[in-house]
Structures are given as structure tokens and as C-alpha cells.
Amino acid sequence: MTLYPLLVWIFSVIAVIYIQLRYARANYPSTWQWKLTLFLSGFSCGAMGSVAFLHQTAAWRALLLMTAFSGIFAGLGFTFLTPYNMQNFIPKRDDHSNT
């Protein structure tokens, strides 16, 4: 494993954490812009992870397929599952209460 793909993957993990926290602070809005941002950040993290760990051992076709599938899987996970689980740590605010 070379250092450059590993550093790019670590940067993408940090970016995903930052975007997830911004999404939580924005009170989990259900807009397509946020869903697209969450999906693309998850996709980049999954794709960079597969490139970082498989780029020297896999053939280019297998690497392309693994990159696409891991990116899609991570993108969907970070779009739908992670915000749902994050609400246990950073609960959704009820902005319509009169208290």
C-alpha cells in the first residue's frame, strides 16, 4: 500500500464526518441537496477506501467494479443509515415547540 491513496482515504473519512456533523447541526433537513451531499461524500469515502486497500492486488476491471460497488454501498449507507443512527447522539430538535 502506498501512502498517497491512504492519505486521500483518510481525508475523505474526515470530510464525511464533517458533513455528517453539519447535517446534524442543520437539524437533519430532508432536501435533495443534503441527500446528494451525503451520498457523494459516502461514495467518495467508499471508493477511496477500495482504491487505497486494493489498488496493488486487484486487476483493473475488478478494481473498477469494487470501487463502484463499495462507493454506492457506502453512499447509500451514509445517506440513510448514518443520519438515522446519529439521531441517538445528536437528537433532532423540535423547532415548533412553544417552550
N, C-alpha and C. Protein backbone atom coordinates (compact mmCIF):
# COMPACT_ATOMS: atom_id res chain seq x y z
N MET A 1 0.85 -1.17 0.00
CA MET A 1 0.00 0.00 0.00
C MET A 1 0.89 1.24 0.00
N THR A 2 0.57 2.15 -0.89
CA THR A 2 1.32 3.39 -0.93
C THR A 2 0.65 4.43 -0.04
N LEU A 3 1.38 5.46 0.25
CA LEU A 3 0.92 6.45 1.20
C LEU A 3 -0.15 7.38 0.61
N TYR A 4 -0.03 7.73 -0.67
CA TYR A 4 -0.95 8.69 -1.27
C TYR A 4 -2.41 8.22 -1.24
N PRO A 5 -2.76 7.01 -1.69
CA PRO A 5 -4.17 6.61 -1.61
C PRO A 5 -4.68 6.52 -0.17
N LEU A 6 -3.82 6.13 0.74
CA LEU A 6 -4.24 6.06 2.14
C LEU A 6 -4.54 7.46 2.70
N LEU A 7 -3.72 8.44 2.35
CA LEU A 7 -3.97 9.80 2.80
C LEU A 7 -5.24 10.38 2.19
N VAL A 8 -5.50 10.07 0.93
CA VAL A 8 -6.74 10.53 0.29
C VAL A 8 -7.94 9.89 0.97
N TRP A 9 -7.85 8.62 1.31
CA TRP A 9 -8.95 7.96 2.01
C TRP A 9 -9.17 8.56 3.39
N ILE A 10 -8.10 8.82 4.13
CA ILE A 10 -8.23 9.44 5.45
C ILE A 10 -8.87 10.82 5.33
N PHE A 11 -8.48 11.59 4.32
CA PHE A 11 -9.09 12.90 4.09
C PHE A 11 -10.59 12.75 3.79
N SER A 12 -10.96 11.74 3.01
CA SER A 12 -12.38 11.55 2.70
C SER A 12 -13.17 11.11 3.93
N VAL A 13 -12.56 10.35 4.84
CA VAL A 13 -13.23 9.98 6.09
C VAL A 13 -13.46 11.22 6.95
N ILE A 14 -12.47 12.09 7.02
CA ILE A 14 -12.62 13.33 7.79
C ILE A 14 -13.71 14.20 7.17
N ALA A 15 -13.75 14.26 5.84
CA ALA A 15 -14.79 15.05 5.16
C ALA A 15 -16.18 14.49 5.43
N VAL A 16 -16.32 13.16 5.46
CA VAL A 16 -17.62 12.54 5.75
C VAL A 16 -18.06 12.88 7.17
N ILE A 17 -17.16 12.80 8.11
CA ILE A 17 -17.51 13.12 9.50
C ILE A 17 -17.94 14.59 9.61
N TYR A 18 -17.22 15.47 8.95
CA TYR A 18 -17.56 16.90 8.98
C TYR A 18 -18.93 17.15 8.36
N ILE A 19 -19.21 16.53 7.22
CA ILE A 19 -20.50 16.72 6.55
C ILE A 19 -21.64 16.14 7.37
N GLN A 20 -21.41 14.98 8.00
CA GLN A 20 -22.46 14.40 8.84
C GLN A 20 -22.77 15.30 10.04
N LEU A 21 -21.74 15.89 10.63
CA LEU A 21 -21.97 16.80 11.76
C LEU A 21 -22.69 18.08 11.33
N ARG A 22 -22.34 18.60 10.16
CA ARG A 22 -23.06 19.78 9.64
C ARG A 22 -24.52 19.44 9.36
N TYR A 23 -24.77 18.24 8.86
CA TYR A 23 -26.14 17.80 8.59
C TYR A 23 -26.93 17.70 9.90
N ALA A 24 -26.30 17.19 10.94
CA ALA A 24 -26.97 17.10 12.24
C ALA A 24 -27.23 18.49 12.82
N ARG A 25 -26.28 19.40 12.70
CA ARG A 25 -26.48 20.76 13.21
C ARG A 25 -27.56 21.51 12.44
N ALA A 26 -27.77 21.14 11.19
CA ALA A 26 -28.83 21.77 10.39
C ALA A 26 -30.19 21.13 10.69
N ASN A 27 -30.24 20.23 11.66
CA ASN A 27 -31.47 19.56 12.13
C ASN A 27 -32.00 18.55 11.11
N TYR A 28 -31.11 17.85 10.42
CA TYR A 28 -31.46 16.75 9.52
C TYR A 28 -32.49 17.15 8.47
N PRO A 29 -32.20 18.17 7.66
CA PRO A 29 -33.19 18.57 6.65
C PRO A 29 -33.36 17.48 5.59
N SER A 30 -34.54 17.39 5.06
CA SER A 30 -34.85 16.36 4.07
C SER A 30 -34.91 16.97 2.68
N THR A 31 -33.84 17.61 2.27
CA THR A 31 -33.79 18.22 0.95
C THR A 31 -32.90 17.38 0.04
N TRP A 32 -33.10 17.52 -1.25
CA TRP A 32 -32.30 16.73 -2.18
C TRP A 32 -30.84 17.19 -2.19
N GLN A 33 -30.58 18.47 -1.86
CA GLN A 33 -29.20 18.93 -1.82
C GLN A 33 -28.42 18.23 -0.72
N TRP A 34 -29.04 18.09 0.46
CA TRP A 34 -28.37 17.40 1.56
C TRP A 34 -28.22 15.92 1.25
N LYS A 35 -29.25 15.30 0.67
CA LYS A 35 -29.15 13.87 0.34
C LYS A 35 -28.05 13.63 -0.68
N LEU A 36 -27.95 14.52 -1.67
CA LEU A 36 -26.89 14.38 -2.67
C LEU A 36 -25.51 14.59 -2.05
N THR A 37 -25.39 15.56 -1.16
CA THR A 37 -24.11 15.81 -0.49
C THR A 37 -23.71 14.62 0.37
N LEU A 38 -24.67 14.06 1.11
CA LEU A 38 -24.37 12.89 1.93
C LEU A 38 -23.99 11.69 1.07
N PHE A 39 -24.70 11.49 -0.04
CA PHE A 39 -24.39 10.35 -0.91
C PHE A 39 -23.01 10.51 -1.53
N LEU A 40 -22.71 11.69 -2.04
CA LEU A 40 -21.41 11.88 -2.69
C LEU A 40 -20.24 11.78 -1.70
N SER A 41 -20.44 12.26 -0.49
CA SER A 41 -19.36 12.12 0.50
C SER A 41 -19.16 10.65 0.87
N GLY A 42 -20.26 9.92 1.03
CA GLY A 42 -20.14 8.49 1.31
C GLY A 42 -19.56 7.72 0.14
N PHE A 43 -19.97 8.08 -1.07
CA PHE A 43 -19.44 7.42 -2.26
C PHE A 43 -17.93 7.62 -2.36
N SER A 44 -17.49 8.85 -2.14
CA SER A 44 -16.05 9.11 -2.23
C SER A 44 -15.28 8.35 -1.16
N CYS A 45 -15.84 8.26 0.03
CA CYS A 45 -15.17 7.52 1.11
C CYS A 45 -15.07 6.04 0.77
N GLY A 46 -16.16 5.45 0.30
CA GLY A 46 -16.13 4.03 -0.07
C GLY A 46 -15.24 3.75 -1.25
N ALA A 47 -15.30 4.60 -2.26
CA ALA A 47 -14.47 4.40 -3.45
C ALA A 47 -12.99 4.57 -3.13
N MET A 48 -12.66 5.60 -2.36
CA MET A 48 -11.26 5.81 -1.99
C MET A 48 -10.74 4.69 -1.08
N GLY A 49 -11.62 4.16 -0.24
CA GLY A 49 -11.21 3.03 0.61
C GLY A 49 -10.86 1.81 -0.20
N SER A 50 -11.67 1.50 -1.20
CA SER A 50 -11.36 0.33 -2.02
C SER A 50 -10.11 0.55 -2.86
N VAL A 51 -9.91 1.77 -3.35
CA VAL A 51 -8.69 2.06 -4.10
C VAL A 51 -7.46 1.99 -3.19
N ALA A 52 -7.59 2.52 -1.98
CA ALA A 52 -6.45 2.55 -1.07
C ALA A 52 -6.01 1.15 -0.66
N PHE A 53 -6.96 0.25 -0.49
CA PHE A 53 -6.60 -1.06 0.04
C PHE A 53 -6.49 -2.15 -1.03
N LEU A 54 -6.98 -1.91 -2.25
CA LEU A 54 -6.96 -2.97 -3.26
C LEU A 54 -6.18 -2.61 -4.52
N HIS A 55 -5.64 -1.41 -4.62
CA HIS A 55 -5.09 -0.98 -5.90
C HIS A 55 -3.87 -1.77 -6.35
N GLN A 56 -3.15 -2.39 -5.46
CA GLN A 56 -1.96 -3.13 -5.86
C GLN A 56 -2.23 -4.61 -6.09
N THR A 57 -3.35 -5.12 -5.57
CA THR A 57 -3.59 -6.56 -5.65
C THR A 57 -4.64 -6.95 -6.67
N ALA A 58 -5.48 -6.03 -7.11
CA ALA A 58 -6.59 -6.38 -8.00
C ALA A 58 -6.30 -5.95 -9.43
N ALA A 59 -6.89 -6.68 -10.37
CA ALA A 59 -6.84 -6.28 -11.77
C ALA A 59 -7.70 -5.03 -11.94
N TRP A 60 -7.47 -4.30 -13.01
CA TRP A 60 -8.15 -3.02 -13.16
C TRP A 60 -9.66 -3.17 -13.30
N ARG A 61 -10.14 -4.24 -13.93
CA ARG A 61 -11.60 -4.43 -14.05
C ARG A 61 -12.22 -4.75 -12.69
N ALA A 62 -11.57 -5.59 -11.94
CA ALA A 62 -12.07 -5.91 -10.60
C ALA A 62 -12.01 -4.69 -9.70
N LEU A 63 -10.96 -3.92 -9.83
CA LEU A 63 -10.83 -2.70 -9.03
C LEU A 63 -11.92 -1.69 -9.40
N LEU A 64 -12.24 -1.58 -10.69
CA LEU A 64 -13.29 -0.67 -11.12
C LEU A 64 -14.65 -1.10 -10.56
N LEU A 65 -14.94 -2.38 -10.63
CA LEU A 65 -16.21 -2.88 -10.08
C LEU A 65 -16.27 -2.73 -8.57
N MET A 66 -15.20 -3.07 -7.89
CA MET A 66 -15.18 -2.94 -6.42
C MET A 66 -15.29 -1.47 -6.00
N THR A 67 -14.66 -0.60 -6.74
CA THR A 67 -14.74 0.82 -6.43
C THR A 67 -16.17 1.32 -6.61
N ALA A 68 -16.81 0.94 -7.69
CA ALA A 68 -18.19 1.38 -7.94
C ALA A 68 -19.14 0.81 -6.89
N PHE A 69 -19.06 -0.48 -6.63
CA PHE A 69 -19.99 -1.10 -5.68
C PHE A 69 -19.75 -0.61 -4.25
N SER A 70 -18.51 -0.50 -3.85
CA SER A 70 -18.25 -0.02 -2.49
C SER A 70 -18.63 1.45 -2.35
N GLY A 71 -18.45 2.23 -3.40
CA GLY A 71 -18.87 3.62 -3.36
C GLY A 71 -20.38 3.77 -3.26
N ILE A 72 -21.11 2.98 -4.04
CA ILE A 72 -22.57 3.03 -3.98
C ILE A 72 -23.07 2.54 -2.63
N PHE A 73 -22.52 1.46 -2.15
CA PHE A 73 -22.93 0.92 -0.84
C PHE A 73 -22.65 1.92 0.28
N ALA A 74 -21.47 2.50 0.29
CA ALA A 74 -21.13 3.49 1.33
C ALA A 74 -21.97 4.76 1.16
N GLY A 75 -22.20 5.16 -0.07
CA GLY A 75 -23.03 6.35 -0.30
C GLY A 75 -24.44 6.17 0.23
N LEU A 76 -25.05 5.03 -0.04
CA LEU A 76 -26.39 4.77 0.48
C LEU A 76 -26.39 4.65 2.00
N GLY A 77 -25.37 4.03 2.55
CA GLY A 77 -25.27 3.90 4.00
C GLY A 77 -25.12 5.23 4.69
N PHE A 78 -24.26 6.10 4.13
CA PHE A 78 -24.06 7.40 4.75
C PHE A 78 -25.22 8.36 4.48
N THR A 79 -26.05 8.05 3.49
CA THR A 79 -27.20 8.90 3.22
C THR A 79 -28.38 8.55 4.10
N PHE A 80 -28.63 7.26 4.33
CA PHE A 80 -29.84 6.86 5.02
C PHE A 80 -29.60 6.26 6.41
N LEU A 81 -28.58 5.43 6.58
CA LEU A 81 -28.40 4.76 7.86
C LEU A 81 -27.67 5.61 8.89
N THR A 82 -26.62 6.27 8.49
CA THR A 82 -25.83 7.04 9.45
C THR A 82 -26.61 8.20 10.07
N PRO A 83 -27.37 9.00 9.30
CA PRO A 83 -28.16 10.06 9.96
C PRO A 83 -29.20 9.50 10.92
N TYR A 84 -29.79 8.37 10.59
CA TYR A 84 -30.76 7.75 11.49
C TYR A 84 -30.10 7.35 12.80
N ASN A 85 -28.91 6.77 12.73
CA ASN A 85 -28.19 6.37 13.95
C ASN A 85 -27.60 7.57 14.68
N MET A 86 -27.25 8.63 13.97
CA MET A 86 -26.70 9.83 14.61
C MET A 86 -27.73 10.54 15.47
N GLN A 87 -29.00 10.33 15.18
CA GLN A 87 -30.03 10.98 15.97
C GLN A 87 -30.07 10.45 17.40
N ASN A 88 -29.42 9.34 17.67
CA ASN A 88 -29.27 8.86 19.04
C ASN A 88 -28.27 9.73 19.81
N PHE A 89 -27.28 10.29 19.13
CA PHE A 89 -26.26 11.11 19.76
C PHE A 89 -26.58 12.59 19.68
N ILE A 90 -27.05 13.03 18.53
CA ILE A 90 -27.46 14.42 18.34
C ILE A 90 -28.93 14.39 17.93
N PRO A 91 -29.84 14.50 18.90
CA PRO A 91 -31.26 14.35 18.58
C PRO A 91 -31.77 15.49 17.70
N LYS A 92 -32.80 15.15 16.93
CA LYS A 92 -33.44 16.13 16.09
C LYS A 92 -34.22 17.10 16.97
N ARG A 93 -34.03 18.39 16.71
CA ARG A 93 -34.71 19.41 17.51
C ARG A 93 -36.15 19.59 17.05
N ASP A 94 -37.00 19.87 18.00
CA ASP A 94 -38.39 20.18 17.69
C ASP A 94 -38.51 21.70 17.66
N ASP A 95 -38.38 22.27 16.49
CA ASP A 95 -38.39 23.73 16.37
C ASP A 95 -39.78 24.34 16.47
N HIS A 96 -40.80 23.51 16.49
CA HIS A 96 -42.17 24.01 16.51
C HIS A 96 -42.76 24.03 17.92
N SER A 97 -41.97 23.76 18.93
CA SER A 97 -42.50 23.76 20.30
C SER A 97 -42.57 25.19 20.83
N ASN A 98 -43.46 25.41 21.79
CA ASN A 98 -43.66 26.73 22.37
C ASN A 98 -42.95 26.91 23.69
N THR A 99 -41.99 26.08 23.99
CA THR A 99 -41.28 26.17 25.28
C THR A 99 -40.07 27.05 25.17
